[in-house]
Amino acid sequence: MLSWLGVTQARLFKCDFCGREVPRVRRIALDRGYDRLGQRHAVRYACDACSRSKEAERVHPVDASPKPL
């Protein structure tokens, strides 16, 4: 959150897949049977909807639901 003169504004990020501006994006780069860390590729970030869609297309989807730390 950014604050200026007492006005709080959430920082928005742009989804690299659909182009929407959202408060949170994610990137899955490493999972069982999926490794993007050792390959040259364009780093792209996805909104929740695009991330879920991409995971559903993968053979071994991961649980990307937000969980508290």
C-alpha atoms as a PDB file:
ATOM      1  CA  MET A   1       0.000   0.000   0.000  1.00  0.00           C
ATOM      2  CA  LEU A   2       1.166   3.473  -0.820  1.00  0.00           C
ATOM      3  CA  SER A   3       0.130   6.407   1.296  1.00  0.00           C
ATOM      4  CA  TRP A   4       0.248  10.072   0.333  1.00  0.00           C
ATOM      5  CA  LEU A   5      -1.365  12.765   2.424  1.00  0.00           C
ATOM      6  CA  GLY A   6      -3.366  10.176   4.327  1.00  0.00           C
ATOM      7  CA  VAL A   7      -4.841   8.606   1.178  1.00  0.00           C
ATOM      8  CA  THR A   8      -4.064   4.904   0.912  1.00  0.00           C
ATOM      9  CA  GLN A   9      -3.747   3.433  -2.552  1.00  0.00           C
ATOM     10  CA  ALA A  10      -3.088  -0.217  -3.398  1.00  0.00           C
ATOM     11  CA  ARG A  11      -0.253  -0.860  -5.842  1.00  0.00           C
ATOM     12  CA  LEU A  12      -1.526  -2.562  -8.985  1.00  0.00           C
ATOM     13  CA  PHE A  13       0.394  -5.020 -11.140  1.00  0.00           C
ATOM     14  CA  LYS A  14      -0.283  -5.936 -14.757  1.00  0.00           C
ATOM     15  CA  CYS A  15      -0.983  -9.570 -15.677  1.00  0.00           C
ATOM     16  CA  ASP A  16       1.348 -10.548 -18.538  1.00  0.00           C
ATOM     17  CA  PHE A  17      -1.276 -12.933 -19.942  1.00  0.00           C
ATOM     18  CA  CYS A  18      -4.591 -11.006 -19.973  1.00  0.00           C
ATOM     19  CA  GLY A  19      -3.329  -7.465 -19.371  1.00  0.00           C
ATOM     20  CA  ARG A  20      -5.620  -6.723 -16.392  1.00  0.00           C
ATOM     21  CA  GLU A  21      -4.325  -4.576 -13.543  1.00  0.00           C
ATOM     22  CA  VAL A  22      -4.668  -6.468 -10.270  1.00  0.00           C
ATOM     23  CA  PRO A  23      -3.381  -6.076  -6.687  1.00  0.00           C
ATOM     24  CA  ARG A  24      -1.520  -9.418  -6.786  1.00  0.00           C
ATOM     25  CA  VAL A  25       0.250 -11.494  -9.446  1.00  0.00           C
ATOM     26  CA  ARG A  26       2.126 -14.782  -9.173  1.00  0.00           C
ATOM     27  CA  ARG A  27       4.731 -16.788 -10.987  1.00  0.00           C
ATOM     28  CA  ILE A  28       5.218 -20.532 -10.662  1.00  0.00           C
ATOM     29  CA  ALA A  29       8.737 -21.374 -11.745  1.00  0.00           C
ATOM     30  CA  LEU A  30       9.419 -24.635  -9.926  1.00  0.00           C
ATOM     31  CA  ASP A  31       7.179 -27.606  -9.196  1.00  0.00           C
ATOM     32  CA  ARG A  32       7.282 -31.381  -9.447  1.00  0.00           C
ATOM     33  CA  GLY A  33       8.070 -32.093 -13.095  1.00  0.00           C
ATOM     34  CA  TYR A  34       8.173 -28.378 -13.950  1.00  0.00           C
ATOM     35  CA  ASP A  35      11.357 -26.309 -13.791  1.00  0.00           C
ATOM     36  CA  ARG A  36      11.622 -22.881 -15.385  1.00  0.00           C
ATOM     37  CA  LEU A  37      14.548 -21.787 -13.216  1.00  0.00           C
ATOM     38  CA  GLY A  38      17.163 -23.629 -15.291  1.00  0.00           C
ATOM     39  CA  GLN A  39      15.865 -22.459 -18.680  1.00  0.00           C
ATOM     40  CA  ARG A  40      16.172 -19.193 -20.547  1.00  0.00           C
ATOM     41  CA  HIS A  41      12.691 -17.740 -20.898  1.00  0.00           C
ATOM     42  CA  ALA A  42      10.736 -14.547 -20.569  1.00  0.00           C
ATOM     43  CA  VAL A  43       9.661 -14.049 -16.949  1.00  0.00           C
ATOM     44  CA  ARG A  44       5.898 -13.478 -16.901  1.00  0.00           C
ATOM     45  CA  TYR A  45       3.491 -12.955 -14.047  1.00  0.00           C
ATOM     46  CA  ALA A  46      -0.169 -14.031 -13.957  1.00  0.00           C
ATOM     47  CA  CYS A  47      -3.264 -12.790 -12.145  1.00  0.00           C
ATOM     48  CA  ASP A  48      -5.229 -15.313 -10.055  1.00  0.00           C
ATOM     49  CA  ALA A  49      -7.560 -16.290 -12.919  1.00  0.00           C
ATOM     50  CA  CYS A  50      -4.773 -16.747 -15.483  1.00  0.00           C
ATOM     51  CA  SER A  51      -2.617 -18.624 -12.971  1.00  0.00           C
ATOM     52  CA  ARG A  52      -5.442 -21.071 -12.204  1.00  0.00           C
ATOM     53  CA  SER A  53      -6.082 -21.554 -15.921  1.00  0.00           C
ATOM     54  CA  LYS A  54      -2.394 -22.250 -16.622  1.00  0.00           C
ATOM     55  CA  GLU A  55      -2.193 -24.689 -13.694  1.00  0.00           C
ATOM     56  CA  ALA A  56      -5.245 -26.586 -14.949  1.00  0.00           C
ATOM     57  CA  GLU A  57      -3.449 -27.107 -18.277  1.00  0.00           C
ATOM     58  CA  ARG A  58      -0.379 -28.594 -16.581  1.00  0.00           C
ATOM     59  CA  VAL A  59      -0.028 -32.321 -15.891  1.00  0.00           C
ATOM     60  CA  HIS A  60       0.711 -31.820 -12.180  1.00  0.00           C
ATOM     61  CA  PRO A  61      -1.178 -28.715 -11.056  1.00  0.00           C
ATOM     62  CA  VAL A  62      -0.114 -27.059  -7.806  1.00  0.00           C
ATOM     63  CA  ASP A  63      -2.300 -25.450  -5.164  1.00  0.00           C
ATOM     64  CA  ALA A  64      -1.841 -21.725  -5.752  1.00  0.00           C
ATOM     65  CA  SER A  65      -4.598 -20.554  -3.450  1.00  0.00           C
ATOM     66  CA  PRO A  66      -3.340 -17.734  -1.224  1.00  0.00           C
ATOM     67  CA  LYS A  67      -2.516 -18.979   2.248  1.00  0.00           C
ATOM     68  CA  PRO A  68      -1.353 -16.949   5.223  1.00  0.00           C
ATOM     69  CA  LEU A  69       2.326 -17.265   6.088  1.00  0.00           C
END
